[in-house]
Amino acid sequence: MKRFFFSLALVLALLPSGILSAGPALQDEPTMIAVFPMKNQSSDVRYDSLAWSYADSLVAYLNTQQGAGTTFTLLPMNDLRDQMLALNVDPRSPSYETDVFRIVKALGAKKVVWGIYKVKYEKVDVELKIIDARTLMPDKKHIADKVRSLYTEALSTVTSAGDRLLGGLH
């Protein structure tokens, strides 16, 4: 009897992993990433529109890059907007930073792209970070900081900022 159990254990140990599972081995799914609108650090509300337009443009750009849909997937902006409306989350709110992670949890994103911008003398400074949703720690290597331009040309910096973030999305 001992010999039978020893033989069975030996056979099971030598089988390739995954052969006893109920179905085929699952491949890694793409990392779900949520791109949130930036927070306007300027005191002037006339600059608030950049928050959403920059996020929309960044999602559009990143969706054209290598790895989009295979190694990472960007949460559709309409889903994000719907969730923000449902939870009454506003980028101008003092609680925006904590509200972001309630939404991330609800939508199942693994990483978050978000940041701030400040407009002074009609020039804008943008800073974007990738934050791990589980640890709440920023990726220190893939950050788009000191992205500067005239406010009227801010969307022209999306490509530059997106390229800086791209490596951290995989």
Protein backbone atom coordinates (compact mmCIF):
# COMPACT_ATOMS: atom_id res chain seq x y z
CA MET A 1 0.00 0.00 0.00
CA LYS A 2 2.87 2.38 0.81
CA ARG A 3 4.37 1.55 -2.54
CA PHE A 4 1.10 2.52 -4.32
CA PHE A 5 0.93 5.95 -2.60
CA PHE A 6 4.63 6.56 -3.24
CA SER A 7 4.16 5.69 -6.94
CA LEU A 8 1.07 7.90 -7.20
CA ALA A 9 2.90 10.80 -5.55
CA LEU A 10 5.85 10.32 -7.89
CA VAL A 11 3.63 10.31 -10.99
CA LEU A 12 1.76 13.43 -9.82
CA ALA A 13 5.02 15.22 -9.09
CA LEU A 14 6.36 14.48 -12.56
CA LEU A 15 3.25 15.69 -14.40
CA PRO A 16 3.63 19.10 -16.06
CA SER A 17 2.03 21.89 -14.05
CA GLY A 18 -1.47 22.80 -15.16
CA ILE A 19 -2.31 19.34 -16.52
CA LEU A 20 -4.57 18.58 -13.57
CA SER A 21 -6.42 21.90 -13.68
CA ALA A 22 -10.06 21.99 -14.73
CA GLY A 23 -9.37 24.07 -17.83
CA PRO A 24 -6.53 25.46 -19.89
CA ALA A 25 -3.92 27.56 -18.14
CA LEU A 26 -4.87 31.25 -18.24
CA GLN A 27 -2.45 33.68 -19.78
CA ASP A 28 -1.73 36.94 -18.03
CA GLU A 29 -4.52 39.41 -18.62
CA PRO A 30 -3.65 42.98 -19.61
CA THR A 31 -3.22 45.40 -16.71
CA MET A 32 -6.36 47.56 -16.34
CA ILE A 33 -5.40 51.23 -16.06
CA ALA A 34 -7.62 54.18 -15.20
CA VAL A 35 -6.61 57.63 -16.44
CA PHE A 36 -8.21 60.26 -14.24
CA PRO A 37 -8.62 63.96 -14.98
CA MET A 38 -5.89 66.08 -13.46
CA LYS A 39 -6.47 68.43 -10.58
CA ASN A 40 -6.22 72.14 -11.32
CA GLN A 41 -3.87 73.65 -8.74
CA SER A 42 -4.55 77.15 -10.01
CA SER A 43 -7.08 79.24 -8.18
CA ASP A 44 -8.70 80.28 -11.46
CA VAL A 45 -11.63 78.06 -12.52
CA ARG A 46 -11.40 79.16 -16.16
CA TYR A 47 -8.57 76.63 -16.49
CA ASP A 48 -10.65 73.68 -15.22
CA SER A 49 -11.49 72.39 -18.69
CA LEU A 50 -7.92 71.17 -19.22
CA ALA A 51 -8.46 68.42 -16.62
CA TRP A 52 -10.78 66.32 -18.78
CA SER A 53 -9.46 67.28 -22.21
CA TYR A 54 -5.91 66.29 -21.25
CA ALA A 55 -7.07 62.95 -19.80
CA ASP A 56 -9.17 62.20 -22.90
CA SER A 57 -6.26 63.06 -25.20
CA LEU A 58 -3.84 60.97 -23.14
CA VAL A 59 -6.13 57.93 -23.34
CA ALA A 60 -6.52 58.39 -27.10
CA TYR A 61 -2.74 58.60 -27.52
CA LEU A 62 -1.91 55.65 -25.26
CA ASN A 63 -4.49 53.47 -27.02
CA THR A 64 -2.44 53.84 -30.22
CA GLN A 65 0.81 52.69 -28.61
CA GLN A 66 2.40 49.26 -28.66
CA GLY A 67 1.04 47.08 -25.86
CA ALA A 68 -2.38 48.73 -25.76
CA GLY A 69 -4.94 45.97 -25.43
CA THR A 70 -2.33 43.25 -24.96
CA THR A 71 -0.13 44.18 -21.98
CA PHE A 72 -2.31 47.02 -20.71
CA THR A 73 -5.90 48.10 -21.20
CA LEU A 74 -7.16 51.60 -20.56
CA LEU A 75 -10.49 51.96 -18.84
CA PRO A 76 -12.94 53.68 -21.22
CA MET A 77 -13.38 57.33 -20.26
CA ASN A 78 -17.18 57.00 -20.41
CA ASP A 79 -17.07 54.30 -17.73
CA LEU A 80 -14.89 56.54 -15.59
CA ARG A 81 -17.20 59.54 -16.08
CA ASP A 82 -20.26 57.44 -15.22
CA GLN A 83 -18.65 56.21 -12.01
CA MET A 84 -17.53 59.71 -11.05
CA LEU A 85 -21.06 61.00 -11.59
CA ALA A 86 -22.58 58.13 -9.64
CA LEU A 87 -20.30 58.81 -6.67
CA ASN A 88 -20.47 62.61 -7.05
CA VAL A 89 -16.70 62.94 -7.49
CA ASP A 90 -15.33 66.25 -8.73
CA PRO A 91 -11.67 66.98 -9.56
CA ARG A 92 -12.09 70.36 -7.80
CA SER A 93 -13.13 68.71 -4.54
CA PRO A 94 -10.69 68.64 -1.61
CA SER A 95 -11.43 64.91 -1.24
CA TYR A 96 -10.62 64.14 -4.89
CA GLU A 97 -7.41 62.26 -4.06
CA THR A 98 -9.20 59.77 -1.81
CA ASP A 99 -12.28 59.60 -4.04
CA VAL A 100 -10.09 58.43 -6.94
CA PHE A 101 -9.22 55.22 -5.15
CA ARG A 102 -12.85 54.44 -4.30
CA ILE A 103 -13.56 54.53 -8.02
CA VAL A 104 -10.46 52.49 -8.85
CA LYS A 105 -11.60 49.79 -6.46
CA ALA A 106 -15.12 49.80 -7.88
CA LEU A 107 -13.88 49.49 -11.46
CA GLY A 108 -11.10 46.98 -10.78
CA ALA A 109 -8.19 48.99 -12.16
CA LYS A 110 -4.68 47.90 -11.15
CA LYS A 111 -2.94 51.20 -11.88
CA VAL A 112 -3.97 54.84 -11.94
CA VAL A 113 -2.64 57.69 -14.05
CA TRP A 114 -3.39 61.08 -12.60
CA GLY A 115 -1.74 64.29 -11.66
CA ILE A 116 -1.93 68.01 -11.31
CA TYR A 117 -1.44 71.10 -13.38
CA LYS A 118 -0.89 74.70 -12.51
CA VAL A 119 -1.37 77.69 -14.77
CA LYS A 120 0.58 80.86 -14.15
CA TYR A 121 1.05 83.72 -16.58
CA GLU A 122 -0.80 81.69 -19.25
CA LYS A 123 1.79 78.90 -19.02
CA VAL A 124 0.91 75.46 -17.72
CA ASP A 125 3.04 72.99 -15.77
CA VAL A 126 1.78 69.39 -15.87
CA GLU A 127 2.82 66.53 -13.62
CA LEU A 128 1.47 63.00 -14.14
CA LYS A 129 2.16 59.86 -12.13
CA ILE A 130 1.34 56.17 -12.33
CA ILE A 131 0.14 54.84 -9.00
CA ASP A 132 -0.23 51.17 -8.09
CA ALA A 133 -3.83 50.74 -6.89
CA ARG A 134 -2.94 48.02 -4.39
CA THR A 135 0.04 49.66 -2.65
CA LEU A 136 -0.86 53.30 -3.43
CA MET A 137 2.79 53.87 -4.30
CA PRO A 138 3.83 55.92 -7.33
CA ASP A 139 6.10 54.56 -10.03
CA LYS A 140 9.20 56.69 -9.51
CA LYS A 141 10.77 55.75 -12.83
CA HIS A 142 7.86 56.50 -15.17
CA ILE A 143 6.69 60.00 -14.34
CA ALA A 144 5.81 62.94 -16.54
CA ASP A 145 6.90 65.96 -14.58
CA LYS A 146 7.90 69.42 -15.66
CA VAL A 147 5.85 69.18 -18.82
CA ARG A 148 5.52 72.85 -19.70
CA SER A 149 3.84 74.81 -22.45
CA LEU A 150 1.59 77.74 -23.10
CA TYR A 151 -1.88 77.02 -21.77
CA THR A 152 -3.36 77.30 -25.25
CA GLU A 153 -0.92 74.62 -26.48
CA ALA A 154 -1.18 72.26 -23.49
CA LEU A 155 -2.67 69.38 -25.47
CA SER A 156 0.39 69.35 -27.71
CA THR A 157 2.36 67.95 -24.74
CA VAL A 158 0.21 64.79 -24.47
CA THR A 159 2.58 62.81 -26.70
CA SER A 160 5.63 63.76 -24.63
CA ALA A 161 3.87 62.98 -21.34
CA GLY A 162 2.46 59.72 -22.69
CA ASP A 163 5.88 58.56 -23.87
CA ARG A 164 7.31 59.14 -20.38
CA LEU A 165 4.53 57.08 -18.78
CA LEU A 166 4.31 54.27 -21.33
CA GLY A 167 6.97 51.98 -19.83
CA GLY A 168 5.17 51.90 -16.47
CA LEU A 169 1.84 50.80 -17.93
CA HIS A 170 2.95 47.26 -18.79
